[in-house]
Structure formats: structure tokens, C-alpha cells
Amino acid sequence: MYHKPVLYDEVIEYMINDKYRIYLDCTLGGGGHARGILENSNNNSKLIGIDQDINAINYVSESLKSYSDRLMIFKNNFENMKTVVYMAAYDKVDAILMDIGVSSEQLDNKERGFSYKYDAKLDMRMDTNQELSAYEVVNEYSEKEIADILYKFGEEPKSKKIAYNIVKKRQEKKIETTLELSEIVIRAIGKSMKKHPAKRTFQALRIYVNRELEVLEKAIDEAVDILNPGGRLLIITFHSLEDKMVKRKFRELEDPCTCSKDIPICICNKKPLGKVITRKVVMAKENELQANNRSHSAKLRVFERI
């Protein structure tokens, strides 16, 4: 069962405009945001939906079949949104939504191996046709490579100790499941912390396996290129690495000048591509925080094309 998506009301508020005709949902997930866009936009509008998870596509296709005349769904990675929009027979769109990271359905589906809460085969692939999974990283990468991944993508301060323990354990037998990995992390760094000890490790592996930061950076550039003037890009993130990237990219798009501050006039001739609408990051209100624990880490930023 899919959950109501985070920041639903805020997405509708910032995204829907009677003048907008073409919407793009880059991460369909359970289709909650897509449904909201279709229900709240005018009947002449169209929604292009993208997801790389065939389970999500099948579910949304069925649950939103009453909107089949206004909804086009493509199995792809949203870093290829330009190609997808072209395949949908458009050059530009009016509003784009990216809800970054793992969906509630993926987390709750034990077989997908995303969560440290359930015992499942190590996987973490959003696109199950992809070759590289968390299993290969944990069992085949060097100790240094694993430590670097945990530190870079999980901001894990004890990355070296965890990597050492992973390599030591896999010399006895392959690390097959999520709970095996979780127990290795707990033994390496202990339990004395508010959040689950394995949270950063699992986050890091998931981001690395799915190239999430690399995809996000490319996707922001593609999104701005295909937005009509006055169109908006909405991005929801769930951890600091993503949010920092979005904040930096939006700032660069708003003020791309690379000239030294000592020079009185701009000579690089780089022009602003738009403006940041959300000067302060948008977060869930109290009623949503109480209803949905996953909304606590959700952050929304909005950029408008000029």
C-alpha cells in the first residue's frame, strides 16, 4: 500500500498554475503527487511521469487509469528527462517535480533490500535491471573503497571501522542480507545513538548504487533547460547532501556570474536563468510531522525560470 506523499499540500501550492499546461513528475513512486497534480490542474493539462522502478509504473498505471488521456508514463531515469519529454512529443514543460530518494513502497517492500529493519537479500537497486547492487559493493569492493563510499555518501564518521569489519566478516562468508550488514555495523560502532547505527551506511550504499547525487546534478541542469519562462522546478530532498546540492545549484542558476568581486562590472556575461522562490527551505507542518514520520527530514526548494 502506498502512502500519502510528503509535503503534498506544499507541492500543489507551488506547482499548480492555471496557465501551466505540461507537467513533469520525475519520480512517480506511489503516484501520490501525480494524482494531486492531475486532480488540481486544469483538464487541458498533461502530466508526463517518469520512474525507473517497473513496480511503481505498474501500480501508478492502474491506480491512475481514469486519467489515462492526460497521463503519459515512461520507464527511465529522470536524468534523461529531455529525451523523455521529446518522446512525449514536447520540447518544453511548465512545471517539474523531483521527489528524491527511495519511495515508501521501496522501503516497506522487504524484498527490495533497502531497509535495515527487515531481513532481505542485499540489493538497494531502484532499477532492478541494473547490474550493480549493494551486494557487489559490500562483498567485492576494497576496504578503502567501502570506507570512502560510507564517508562521502553517508557522512559516516566511523566509516573506516565499519569498512574494516565488513571486510573481516566477508572473509568468513559472503554478506548476504540486510540484517547481516546491519549487525556488522552495530558491532563496529555500538548502539548508543538516537538514530539506528546502520542508517548512514544504508543511505550511503543506496546513494552510491543508484548514482543519486550524480543523477540529481545532471537532472537539475536538464530541468532548467526544458522549462518554459515562468515555469517552476520543485525538488524535495531527504538528507543534507542532496539539499546542499540543490541549494548550491539554485544559487548558481540565480547568480551565475563568476567574475571576481574586485571587478566593478561583469565580464563573464553569464546571465541569471531564474530566481529562487523559496528563500527559506519549506518543511512539513506539525500535522504532517505527526502523521508521517518520514516527513521529518523532507525539504522542498523551488526555482522559477525567467
Protein backbone atom coordinates (compact mmCIF):
# COMPACT_ATOMS: atom_id res chain seq x y z
CA MET A 1 0.00 0.00 0.00
CA TYR A 2 1.41 3.41 -1.00
CA HIS A 3 1.47 6.27 1.49
CA LYS A 4 0.35 9.86 1.00
CA PRO A 5 3.46 11.64 -0.27
CA VAL A 6 5.37 14.11 1.86
CA LEU A 7 4.75 17.85 1.51
CA TYR A 8 1.67 17.13 -0.64
CA ASP A 9 -0.12 20.43 0.09
CA GLU A 10 3.04 22.45 -0.41
CA VAL A 11 3.76 20.79 -3.77
CA ILE A 12 0.24 21.60 -5.01
CA GLU A 13 0.56 25.20 -3.76
CA TYR A 14 3.87 25.87 -5.51
CA MET A 15 3.36 23.76 -8.62
CA ILE A 16 -0.18 24.22 -9.89
CA ASN A 17 -0.92 27.23 -12.08
CA ASP A 18 -3.97 27.65 -14.33
CA LYS A 19 -1.66 28.91 -17.08
CA TYR A 20 0.51 25.78 -16.94
CA ARG A 21 -0.27 23.08 -19.49
CA ILE A 22 2.53 20.47 -19.33
CA TYR A 23 3.65 18.98 -16.01
CA LEU A 24 6.54 16.58 -15.41
CA ASP A 25 6.77 14.26 -12.39
CA CYS A 26 10.32 12.90 -12.49
CA THR A 27 9.83 10.36 -9.70
CA LEU A 28 6.37 8.82 -9.80
CA GLY A 29 6.83 6.49 -6.83
CA GLY A 30 3.39 5.63 -5.49
CA GLY A 31 1.72 8.26 -7.67
CA GLY A 32 0.51 10.44 -4.80
CA HIS A 33 1.97 13.66 -6.15
CA ALA A 34 0.94 12.69 -9.69
CA ARG A 35 -2.65 12.22 -8.56
CA GLY A 36 -2.57 15.62 -6.84
CA ILE A 37 -1.25 17.31 -9.96
CA LEU A 38 -3.92 15.71 -12.15
CA GLU A 39 -6.75 16.48 -9.72
CA ASN A 40 -5.76 20.11 -9.18
CA SER A 41 -4.61 21.19 -12.66
CA ASN A 42 -6.93 22.18 -15.49
CA ASN A 43 -8.48 19.49 -17.69
CA ASN A 44 -6.46 20.59 -20.72
CA SER A 45 -3.16 19.92 -18.98
CA LYS A 46 -0.97 16.85 -19.43
CA LEU A 47 1.33 15.03 -16.99
CA ILE A 48 4.47 13.21 -18.06
CA GLY A 49 5.58 10.71 -15.43
CA ILE A 50 8.98 9.03 -15.09
CA ASP A 51 10.17 6.19 -12.90
CA GLN A 52 12.86 3.54 -13.25
CA ASP A 53 11.01 1.10 -10.99
CA ILE A 54 8.67 -1.13 -13.00
CA ASN A 55 6.65 -1.94 -9.86
CA ALA A 56 5.89 1.76 -9.37
CA ILE A 57 4.98 2.17 -13.03
CA ASN A 58 2.58 -0.78 -12.96
CA TYR A 59 0.93 0.46 -9.77
CA VAL A 60 0.50 4.06 -10.96
CA SER A 61 -0.73 2.96 -14.39
CA GLU A 62 -3.51 1.01 -12.70
CA SER A 63 -4.36 3.46 -9.89
CA LEU A 64 -4.49 6.47 -12.24
CA LYS A 65 -6.05 4.77 -15.26
CA SER A 66 -9.02 7.16 -15.07
CA TYR A 67 -6.55 9.88 -16.12
CA SER A 68 -5.04 7.88 -19.00
CA ASP A 69 -5.98 10.60 -21.51
CA ARG A 70 -3.86 13.15 -19.61
CA LEU A 71 -1.06 10.94 -18.27
CA MET A 72 1.97 9.56 -20.13
CA ILE A 73 4.34 7.27 -18.19
CA PHE A 74 7.89 6.34 -19.17
CA LYS A 75 10.31 3.85 -17.61
CA ASN A 76 13.56 5.76 -17.44
CA ASN A 77 15.95 7.56 -15.13
CA PHE A 78 14.98 11.19 -14.69
CA GLU A 79 18.48 12.30 -15.68
CA ASN A 80 17.18 11.57 -19.20
CA MET A 81 14.13 13.82 -18.86
CA LYS A 82 14.92 15.77 -22.03
CA THR A 83 14.70 12.56 -24.04
CA VAL A 84 11.51 11.53 -22.25
CA VAL A 85 9.84 14.90 -22.88
CA TYR A 86 10.84 14.64 -26.54
CA MET A 87 9.36 11.12 -26.69
CA ALA A 88 6.15 12.58 -25.26
CA ALA A 89 6.15 14.98 -28.25
CA TYR A 90 7.06 18.16 -26.36
CA ASP A 91 10.07 20.48 -26.29
CA LYS A 92 9.32 22.34 -23.07
CA VAL A 93 7.26 21.87 -19.91
CA ASP A 94 5.71 24.27 -17.41
CA ALA A 95 6.41 22.64 -14.04
CA ILE A 96 8.73 19.87 -12.87
CA LEU A 97 8.72 17.89 -9.63
CA MET A 98 11.60 15.78 -8.31
CA ASP A 99 10.94 13.80 -5.13
CA ILE A 100 14.43 12.48 -4.50
CA GLY A 101 15.40 9.22 -2.86
CA VAL A 102 13.76 5.93 -2.00
CA SER A 103 9.97 5.71 -2.00
CA SER A 104 7.87 4.50 0.92
CA GLU A 105 6.87 1.42 -1.09
CA GLN A 106 10.51 0.55 -1.78
CA LEU A 107 11.40 0.94 1.89
CA ASP A 108 8.43 -1.11 3.03
CA ASN A 109 8.95 -3.87 0.47
CA LYS A 110 11.22 -6.30 2.31
CA GLU A 111 12.37 -7.97 -0.88
CA ARG A 112 13.98 -4.80 -2.24
CA GLY A 113 16.72 -4.80 0.42
CA PHE A 114 16.63 -1.06 1.10
CA SER A 115 15.91 -1.19 4.83
CA TYR A 116 17.92 -2.25 7.85
CA LYS A 117 14.63 -3.05 9.60
CA TYR A 118 13.81 -6.18 7.58
CA ASP A 119 15.81 -9.28 6.73
CA ALA A 120 16.24 -9.40 2.97
CA LYS A 121 18.90 -10.02 0.35
CA LEU A 122 21.21 -7.02 -0.01
CA ASP A 123 20.06 -5.15 -3.12
CA MET A 124 19.02 -1.44 -2.99
CA ARG A 125 18.61 -1.07 -6.78
CA MET A 126 15.82 1.27 -7.82
CA ASP A 127 16.06 -0.18 -11.32
CA THR A 128 16.12 -3.95 -10.83
CA ASN A 129 17.58 -4.43 -14.32
CA GLN A 130 20.73 -2.60 -13.25
CA GLU A 131 23.75 -4.88 -12.68
CA LEU A 132 25.40 -3.22 -9.67
CA SER A 133 23.69 -3.77 -6.32
CA ALA A 134 24.68 -3.24 -2.68
CA TYR A 135 25.63 -6.92 -2.54
CA GLU A 136 28.51 -6.43 -5.00
CA VAL A 137 29.74 -3.29 -3.23
CA VAL A 138 29.76 -4.93 0.20
CA ASN A 139 31.31 -8.21 -0.95
CA GLU A 140 33.66 -7.18 -3.75
CA TYR A 141 34.89 -3.62 -3.14
CA SER A 142 38.13 -2.99 -1.25
CA GLU A 143 38.14 -1.82 2.36
CA LYS A 144 39.23 1.67 1.28
CA GLU A 145 36.55 1.89 -1.42
CA ILE A 146 33.83 0.92 1.06
CA ALA A 147 35.11 3.38 3.67
CA ASP A 148 35.20 6.17 1.08
CA ILE A 149 31.61 5.44 -0.01
CA LEU A 150 30.32 5.44 3.59
CA TYR A 151 32.10 8.70 4.37
CA LYS A 152 31.25 10.54 1.15
CA PHE A 153 27.63 9.49 0.72
CA GLY A 154 26.61 8.73 4.30
CA GLU A 155 28.73 11.27 6.19
CA GLU A 156 29.59 8.35 8.47
CA PRO A 157 32.36 9.40 10.92
CA LYS A 158 33.26 5.77 11.67
CA SER A 159 33.42 4.69 8.04
CA LYS A 160 36.88 3.13 8.31
CA LYS A 161 35.94 0.98 11.28
CA ILE A 162 32.74 -0.22 9.58
CA ALA A 163 34.62 -0.99 6.35
CA TYR A 164 37.26 -2.93 8.29
CA ASN A 165 34.58 -5.01 10.00
CA ILE A 166 32.76 -5.66 6.70
CA VAL A 167 35.91 -6.95 5.03
CA LYS A 168 36.85 -9.04 8.07
CA LYS A 169 33.39 -10.62 8.20
CA ARG A 170 33.19 -11.42 4.50
CA GLN A 171 36.43 -13.41 4.77
CA GLU A 172 34.40 -15.93 6.76
CA LYS A 173 31.38 -15.89 4.39
CA LYS A 174 29.64 -13.61 1.92
CA ILE A 175 27.42 -10.93 3.48
CA GLU A 176 24.07 -11.88 2.00
CA THR A 177 21.35 -9.95 3.83
CA THR A 178 20.40 -6.54 5.18
CA LEU A 179 20.30 -7.77 8.78
CA GLU A 180 23.76 -9.33 8.47
CA LEU A 181 25.12 -5.98 7.33
CA SER A 182 23.18 -4.11 10.00
CA GLU A 183 24.60 -6.37 12.73
CA ILE A 184 28.14 -5.82 11.44
CA VAL A 185 27.66 -2.05 11.68
CA ILE A 186 26.20 -2.31 15.19
CA ARG A 187 29.11 -4.46 16.36
CA ALA A 188 31.54 -1.98 14.81
CA ILE A 189 30.17 1.25 16.31
CA GLY A 190 27.71 0.23 19.06
CA LYS A 191 24.08 1.12 19.69
CA SER A 192 24.40 4.28 21.78
CA MET A 193 22.81 6.81 19.42
CA LYS A 194 19.33 8.23 18.74
CA LYS A 195 19.16 7.03 15.15
CA HIS A 196 19.75 3.44 14.07
CA PRO A 197 23.53 2.83 13.84
CA ALA A 198 23.22 1.42 10.30
CA LYS A 199 21.18 4.32 8.89
CA ARG A 200 24.16 6.21 7.42
CA THR A 201 25.69 3.03 5.99
CA PHE A 202 22.49 2.01 4.22
CA GLN A 203 21.96 5.56 2.95
CA ALA A 204 25.48 5.70 1.55
CA LEU A 205 25.20 2.37 -0.24
CA ARG A 206 21.81 3.27 -1.72
CA ILE A 207 23.04 6.65 -2.99
CA TYR A 208 26.17 5.10 -4.48
CA VAL A 209 24.45 2.12 -6.12
CA ASN A 210 21.83 4.35 -7.75
CA ARG A 211 24.23 7.25 -8.55
CA GLU A 212 21.74 9.57 -6.87
CA LEU A 213 23.89 12.71 -6.45
CA GLU A 214 25.35 12.41 -9.94
CA VAL A 215 21.86 11.95 -11.39
CA LEU A 216 20.47 14.88 -9.39
CA GLU A 217 23.12 17.32 -10.57
CA LYS A 218 22.60 16.42 -14.22
CA ALA A 219 18.82 16.43 -13.78
CA ILE A 220 18.74 19.99 -12.41
CA ASP A 221 20.58 21.27 -15.49
CA GLU A 222 18.27 19.34 -17.81
CA ALA A 223 15.19 20.57 -15.96
CA VAL A 224 16.13 24.23 -16.27
CA ASP A 225 16.79 23.76 -19.99
CA ILE A 226 13.32 22.39 -20.70
CA LEU A 227 11.32 24.79 -18.50
CA ASN A 228 9.22 27.41 -20.21
CA PRO A 229 9.67 31.01 -18.98
CA GLY A 230 7.74 31.35 -15.74
CA GLY A 231 7.89 27.59 -15.23
CA ARG A 232 8.89 26.10 -11.89
CA LEU A 233 11.21 23.36 -10.68
CA LEU A 234 10.33 21.79 -7.31
CA ILE A 235 12.79 19.47 -5.57
CA ILE A 236 12.13 17.50 -2.38
CA THR A 237 15.21 16.09 -0.65
CA PHE A 238 15.61 13.89 2.41
CA HIS A 239 19.19 14.36 3.57
CA SER A 240 21.80 17.08 3.78
CA LEU A 241 23.96 16.03 0.80
CA GLU A 242 21.04 16.37 -1.60
CA ASP A 243 19.72 19.58 -0.04
CA LYS A 244 23.16 21.22 -0.10
CA MET A 245 23.50 20.37 -3.79
CA VAL A 246 20.05 21.75 -4.65
CA LYS A 247 20.69 24.93 -2.65
CA ARG A 248 24.06 25.45 -4.38
CA LYS A 249 22.73 24.73 -7.87
CA PHE A 250 19.74 27.07 -7.41
CA ARG A 251 22.06 29.81 -6.17
CA GLU A 252 24.34 29.38 -9.20
CA LEU A 253 21.37 29.47 -11.57
CA GLU A 254 20.12 32.67 -9.97
CA ASP A 255 23.56 34.30 -9.89
CA PRO A 256 25.89 32.54 -12.36
CA CYS A 257 28.47 35.35 -12.54
CA THR A 258 31.99 34.00 -11.95
CA CYS A 259 33.78 37.34 -12.03
CA SER A 260 36.00 38.40 -9.16
CA LYS A 261 34.28 40.65 -6.61
CA ASP A 262 37.12 43.12 -7.18
CA ILE A 263 35.94 43.77 -10.75
CA PRO A 264 33.30 46.55 -10.82
CA ILE A 265 31.44 45.14 -13.86
CA CYS A 266 30.62 41.62 -15.03
CA ILE A 267 32.79 40.43 -17.93
CA CYS A 268 31.86 36.70 -17.90
CA ASN A 269 28.47 37.56 -19.48
CA LYS A 270 26.70 34.74 -17.65
CA LYS A 271 23.05 35.70 -17.22
CA PRO A 272 20.66 34.59 -14.46
CA LEU A 273 18.35 31.78 -15.57
CA GLY A 274 15.70 32.38 -12.93
CA LYS A 275 15.05 33.08 -9.29
CA VAL A 276 14.74 31.08 -6.11
CA ILE A 277 11.14 31.21 -4.88
CA THR A 278 11.77 29.59 -1.50
CA ARG A 279 14.26 31.82 0.29
CA LYS A 280 13.76 29.63 3.32
CA VAL A 281 13.54 25.89 2.81
CA VAL A 282 9.97 24.53 3.08
CA MET A 283 9.42 21.78 5.63
CA ALA A 284 6.42 19.76 6.80
CA LYS A 285 3.88 21.34 9.12
CA GLU A 286 3.12 19.91 12.55
CA ASN A 287 0.06 17.89 11.48
CA GLU A 288 2.06 16.11 8.78
CA LEU A 289 5.00 15.53 11.11
CA GLN A 290 2.67 13.73 13.50
CA ALA A 291 1.01 11.68 10.76
CA ASN A 292 4.10 10.70 8.76
CA ASN A 293 7.43 10.10 10.44
CA ARG A 294 9.26 10.21 7.08
CA SER A 295 8.27 13.85 6.60
CA HIS A 296 10.67 14.98 9.35
CA SER A 297 13.66 15.04 7.02
CA ALA A 298 11.84 16.27 3.90
CA LYS A 299 12.88 19.67 2.48
CA LEU A 300 11.36 21.46 -0.51
CA ARG A 301 13.08 24.13 -2.61
CA VAL A 302 11.53 25.89 -5.62
CA PHE A 303 13.18 27.64 -8.59
CA GLU A 304 11.34 29.69 -11.24
CA ARG A 305 12.65 30.12 -14.79
CA ILE A 306 12.83 33.54 -16.40
